[in-house]
Amino acid sequence: MALDYSREVTGSMGVSDLGRSITWYQDILGFELVYRVDDIGWCELSTGFDGFTIGLSQVEKVQQGGGATNVFGVKDIDVAKAFLDERGVRQDGDIQHVPGMVKLITFYDPDGNAMMLAQNLADPG
């Protein structure tokens, strides 16, 4: 018997200040707050991808390194990088280019959670 998945995925990340992080994810990534539960220090934001939300959990200490990295597809990574640059978003070096495949850049939220943007070169649609 296989798992019977719903069409929902939540990428969960720990943050030190829920309010600050909600604002950052809204202002920088354009995500929209779905709900917030202060009693448990949790919120979810819609990403614009059907069925995929980001969950933020307020924690005492944000763990760095390891874990999954959310990768968001973009149509033009150079434009996306310029957008991040204009807003002072910390990044891990320049755009990485795998010819004929993908262009990637790693960036970080205020707590150091790593995420990536990817431009698919094999299927530009």
C-alpha atoms as a PDB file:
ATOM      1  CA  MET A   1       0.000   0.000   0.000  1.00  0.00           C
ATOM      2  CA  ALA A   2       1.347   3.434  -0.941  1.00  0.00           C
ATOM      3  CA  LEU A   3       0.819   6.659   0.963  1.00  0.00           C
ATOM      4  CA  ASP A   4      -2.224   8.579  -0.204  1.00  0.00           C
ATOM      5  CA  TYR A   5      -0.855  12.117  -0.374  1.00  0.00           C
ATOM      6  CA  SER A   6      -2.965  15.242  -0.440  1.00  0.00           C
ATOM      7  CA  ARG A   7      -1.827  18.059  -2.709  1.00  0.00           C
ATOM      8  CA  GLU A   8      -0.335  20.071   0.157  1.00  0.00           C
ATOM      9  CA  VAL A   9       3.272  20.614   1.263  1.00  0.00           C
ATOM     10  CA  THR A  10       4.495  22.934   4.036  1.00  0.00           C
ATOM     11  CA  GLY A  11       8.159  23.886   4.267  1.00  0.00           C
ATOM     12  CA  SER A  12       8.774  24.587   7.960  1.00  0.00           C
ATOM     13  CA  MET A  13      11.545  26.805   9.327  1.00  0.00           C
ATOM     14  CA  GLY A  14      12.486  28.053  12.765  1.00  0.00           C
ATOM     15  CA  VAL A  15      12.713  31.822  13.310  1.00  0.00           C
ATOM     16  CA  SER A  16      13.673  33.969  16.282  1.00  0.00           C
ATOM     17  CA  ASP A  17      11.006  36.682  15.846  1.00  0.00           C
ATOM     18  CA  LEU A  18       7.735  35.637  14.214  1.00  0.00           C
ATOM     19  CA  GLY A  19       6.505  39.176  13.480  1.00  0.00           C
ATOM     20  CA  ARG A  20       9.791  40.292  11.919  1.00  0.00           C
ATOM     21  CA  SER A  21       9.958  37.131   9.839  1.00  0.00           C
ATOM     22  CA  ILE A  22       6.382  37.448   8.584  1.00  0.00           C
ATOM     23  CA  THR A  23       7.162  40.984   7.415  1.00  0.00           C
ATOM     24  CA  TRP A  24      10.387  39.827   5.708  1.00  0.00           C
ATOM     25  CA  TYR A  25       8.685  36.952   3.870  1.00  0.00           C
ATOM     26  CA  GLN A  26       5.903  39.284   2.749  1.00  0.00           C
ATOM     27  CA  ASP A  27       8.135  42.179   1.692  1.00  0.00           C
ATOM     28  CA  ILE A  28      10.996  40.212   0.131  1.00  0.00           C
ATOM     29  CA  LEU A  29       9.368  37.071  -1.265  1.00  0.00           C
ATOM     30  CA  GLY A  30       5.842  38.408  -1.770  1.00  0.00           C
ATOM     31  CA  PHE A  31       4.238  35.651   0.318  1.00  0.00           C
ATOM     32  CA  GLU A  32       0.855  36.235   1.949  1.00  0.00           C
ATOM     33  CA  LEU A  33      -0.028  35.424   5.546  1.00  0.00           C
ATOM     34  CA  VAL A  34      -2.604  32.623   5.668  1.00  0.00           C
ATOM     35  CA  TYR A  35      -2.865  32.495   9.457  1.00  0.00           C
ATOM     36  CA  ARG A  36      -0.911  33.187  12.641  1.00  0.00           C
ATOM     37  CA  VAL A  37      -1.291  31.499  16.053  1.00  0.00           C
ATOM     38  CA  ASP A  38       0.697  33.437  18.633  1.00  0.00           C
ATOM     39  CA  ASP A  39      -0.128  30.961  21.437  1.00  0.00           C
ATOM     40  CA  ILE A  40       2.078  28.364  19.740  1.00  0.00           C
ATOM     41  CA  GLY A  41       4.402  30.733  17.835  1.00  0.00           C
ATOM     42  CA  TRP A  42       3.379  29.472  14.402  1.00  0.00           C
ATOM     43  CA  CYS A  43       2.190  30.898  11.110  1.00  0.00           C
ATOM     44  CA  GLU A  44       1.791  29.816   7.531  1.00  0.00           C
ATOM     45  CA  LEU A  45       2.292  31.905   4.419  1.00  0.00           C
ATOM     46  CA  SER A  46       1.117  31.128   0.900  1.00  0.00           C
ATOM     47  CA  THR A  47       3.929  31.025  -1.641  1.00  0.00           C
ATOM     48  CA  GLY A  48       2.021  31.447  -4.881  1.00  0.00           C
ATOM     49  CA  PHE A  49       2.678  27.778  -5.730  1.00  0.00           C
ATOM     50  CA  ASP A  50      -0.517  25.719  -5.548  1.00  0.00           C
ATOM     51  CA  GLY A  51      -0.548  23.599  -2.401  1.00  0.00           C
ATOM     52  CA  PHE A  52       2.821  24.810  -1.050  1.00  0.00           C
ATOM     53  CA  THR A  53       3.024  26.977   2.057  1.00  0.00           C
ATOM     54  CA  ILE A  54       5.881  28.095   4.295  1.00  0.00           C
ATOM     55  CA  GLY A  55       5.402  27.495   7.997  1.00  0.00           C
ATOM     56  CA  LEU A  56       7.364  29.630  10.443  1.00  0.00           C
ATOM     57  CA  SER A  57       7.883  28.453  14.004  1.00  0.00           C
ATOM     58  CA  GLN A  58       9.226  30.866  16.614  1.00  0.00           C
ATOM     59  CA  VAL A  59      12.014  29.139  18.550  1.00  0.00           C
ATOM     60  CA  GLU A  60      14.490  30.228  21.218  1.00  0.00           C
ATOM     61  CA  LYS A  61      17.511  29.314  19.099  1.00  0.00           C
ATOM     62  CA  VAL A  62      17.480  28.945  15.321  1.00  0.00           C
ATOM     63  CA  GLN A  63      19.612  25.985  14.250  1.00  0.00           C
ATOM     64  CA  GLN A  64      21.955  26.676  11.347  1.00  0.00           C
ATOM     65  CA  GLY A  65      22.984  24.227   8.650  1.00  0.00           C
ATOM     66  CA  GLY A  66      21.586  20.902   7.622  1.00  0.00           C
ATOM     67  CA  GLY A  67      17.978  20.165   6.861  1.00  0.00           C
ATOM     68  CA  ALA A  68      16.088  20.803   3.668  1.00  0.00           C
ATOM     69  CA  THR A  69      16.499  23.888   1.496  1.00  0.00           C
ATOM     70  CA  ASN A  70      13.414  25.276  -0.232  1.00  0.00           C
ATOM     71  CA  VAL A  71      14.145  26.043  -3.886  1.00  0.00           C
ATOM     72  CA  PHE A  72      11.812  28.423  -5.724  1.00  0.00           C
ATOM     73  CA  GLY A  73      11.688  28.528  -9.510  1.00  0.00           C
ATOM     74  CA  VAL A  74      11.984  31.933 -11.154  1.00  0.00           C
ATOM     75  CA  LYS A  75      11.692  32.973 -14.795  1.00  0.00           C
ATOM     76  CA  ASP A  76      14.772  35.240 -14.829  1.00  0.00           C
ATOM     77  CA  ILE A  77      17.360  34.718 -12.120  1.00  0.00           C
ATOM     78  CA  ASP A  78      19.324  37.861 -13.020  1.00  0.00           C
ATOM     79  CA  VAL A  79      16.239  39.999 -12.389  1.00  0.00           C
ATOM     80  CA  ALA A  80      15.510  38.071  -9.177  1.00  0.00           C
ATOM     81  CA  LYS A  81      19.096  38.539  -7.930  1.00  0.00           C
ATOM     82  CA  ALA A  82      18.921  42.279  -8.633  1.00  0.00           C
ATOM     83  CA  PHE A  83      15.688  42.389  -6.606  1.00  0.00           C
ATOM     84  CA  LEU A  84      17.401  40.663  -3.653  1.00  0.00           C
ATOM     85  CA  ASP A  85      20.461  42.930  -4.015  1.00  0.00           C
ATOM     86  CA  GLU A  86      18.309  46.084  -3.900  1.00  0.00           C
ATOM     87  CA  ARG A  87      16.798  44.897  -0.622  1.00  0.00           C
ATOM     88  CA  GLY A  88      20.100  43.942   0.994  1.00  0.00           C
ATOM     89  CA  VAL A  89      19.261  40.226   1.198  1.00  0.00           C
ATOM     90  CA  ARG A  90      22.355  38.186   2.138  1.00  0.00           C
ATOM     91  CA  GLN A  91      23.421  35.729  -0.549  1.00  0.00           C
ATOM     92  CA  ASP A  92      25.994  32.964  -0.839  1.00  0.00           C
ATOM     93  CA  GLY A  93      28.150  34.211  -3.707  1.00  0.00           C
ATOM     94  CA  ASP A  94      27.231  34.722  -7.318  1.00  0.00           C
ATOM     95  CA  ILE A  95      24.743  32.928  -9.527  1.00  0.00           C
ATOM     96  CA  GLN A  96      25.879  29.361 -10.203  1.00  0.00           C
ATOM     97  CA  HIS A  97      25.432  28.251 -13.813  1.00  0.00           C
ATOM     98  CA  VAL A  98      25.127  24.660 -15.017  1.00  0.00           C
ATOM     99  CA  PRO A  99      25.049  25.130 -18.830  1.00  0.00           C
ATOM    100  CA  GLY A 100      21.894  23.849 -20.485  1.00  0.00           C
ATOM    101  CA  MET A 101      20.367  22.943 -17.128  1.00  0.00           C
ATOM    102  CA  VAL A 102      19.943  25.544 -14.422  1.00  0.00           C
ATOM    103  CA  LYS A 103      21.080  28.793 -12.831  1.00  0.00           C
ATOM    104  CA  LEU A 104      20.980  28.914  -9.009  1.00  0.00           C
ATOM    105  CA  ILE A 105      21.548  31.341  -6.181  1.00  0.00           C
ATOM    106  CA  THR A 106      21.402  30.702  -2.447  1.00  0.00           C
ATOM    107  CA  PHE A 107      20.050  33.408  -0.133  1.00  0.00           C
ATOM    108  CA  TYR A 108      19.126  33.708   3.539  1.00  0.00           C
ATOM    109  CA  ASP A 109      16.286  35.048   5.648  1.00  0.00           C
ATOM    110  CA  PRO A 110      17.099  37.243   8.701  1.00  0.00           C
ATOM    111  CA  ASP A 111      17.686  34.127  10.852  1.00  0.00           C
ATOM    112  CA  GLY A 112      20.070  32.507   8.374  1.00  0.00           C
ATOM    113  CA  ASN A 113      17.619  29.958   6.944  1.00  0.00           C
ATOM    114  CA  ALA A 114      18.949  29.068   3.500  1.00  0.00           C
ATOM    115  CA  MET A 115      16.733  29.114   0.421  1.00  0.00           C
ATOM    116  CA  MET A 116      17.498  29.059  -3.262  1.00  0.00           C
ATOM    117  CA  LEU A 117      16.175  30.544  -6.477  1.00  0.00           C
ATOM    118  CA  ALA A 118      16.499  28.457  -9.631  1.00  0.00           C
ATOM    119  CA  GLN A 119      16.013  29.281 -13.297  1.00  0.00           C
ATOM    120  CA  ASN A 120      15.393  26.130 -15.323  1.00  0.00           C
ATOM    121  CA  LEU A 121      17.351  26.469 -18.580  1.00  0.00           C
ATOM    122  CA  ALA A 122      16.122  23.164 -20.026  1.00  0.00           C
ATOM    123  CA  ASP A 123      12.466  24.236 -19.877  1.00  0.00           C
ATOM    124  CA  PRO A 124      12.250  28.050 -19.763  1.00  0.00           C
ATOM    125  CA  GLY A 125       8.422  27.975 -19.442  1.00  0.00           C
END
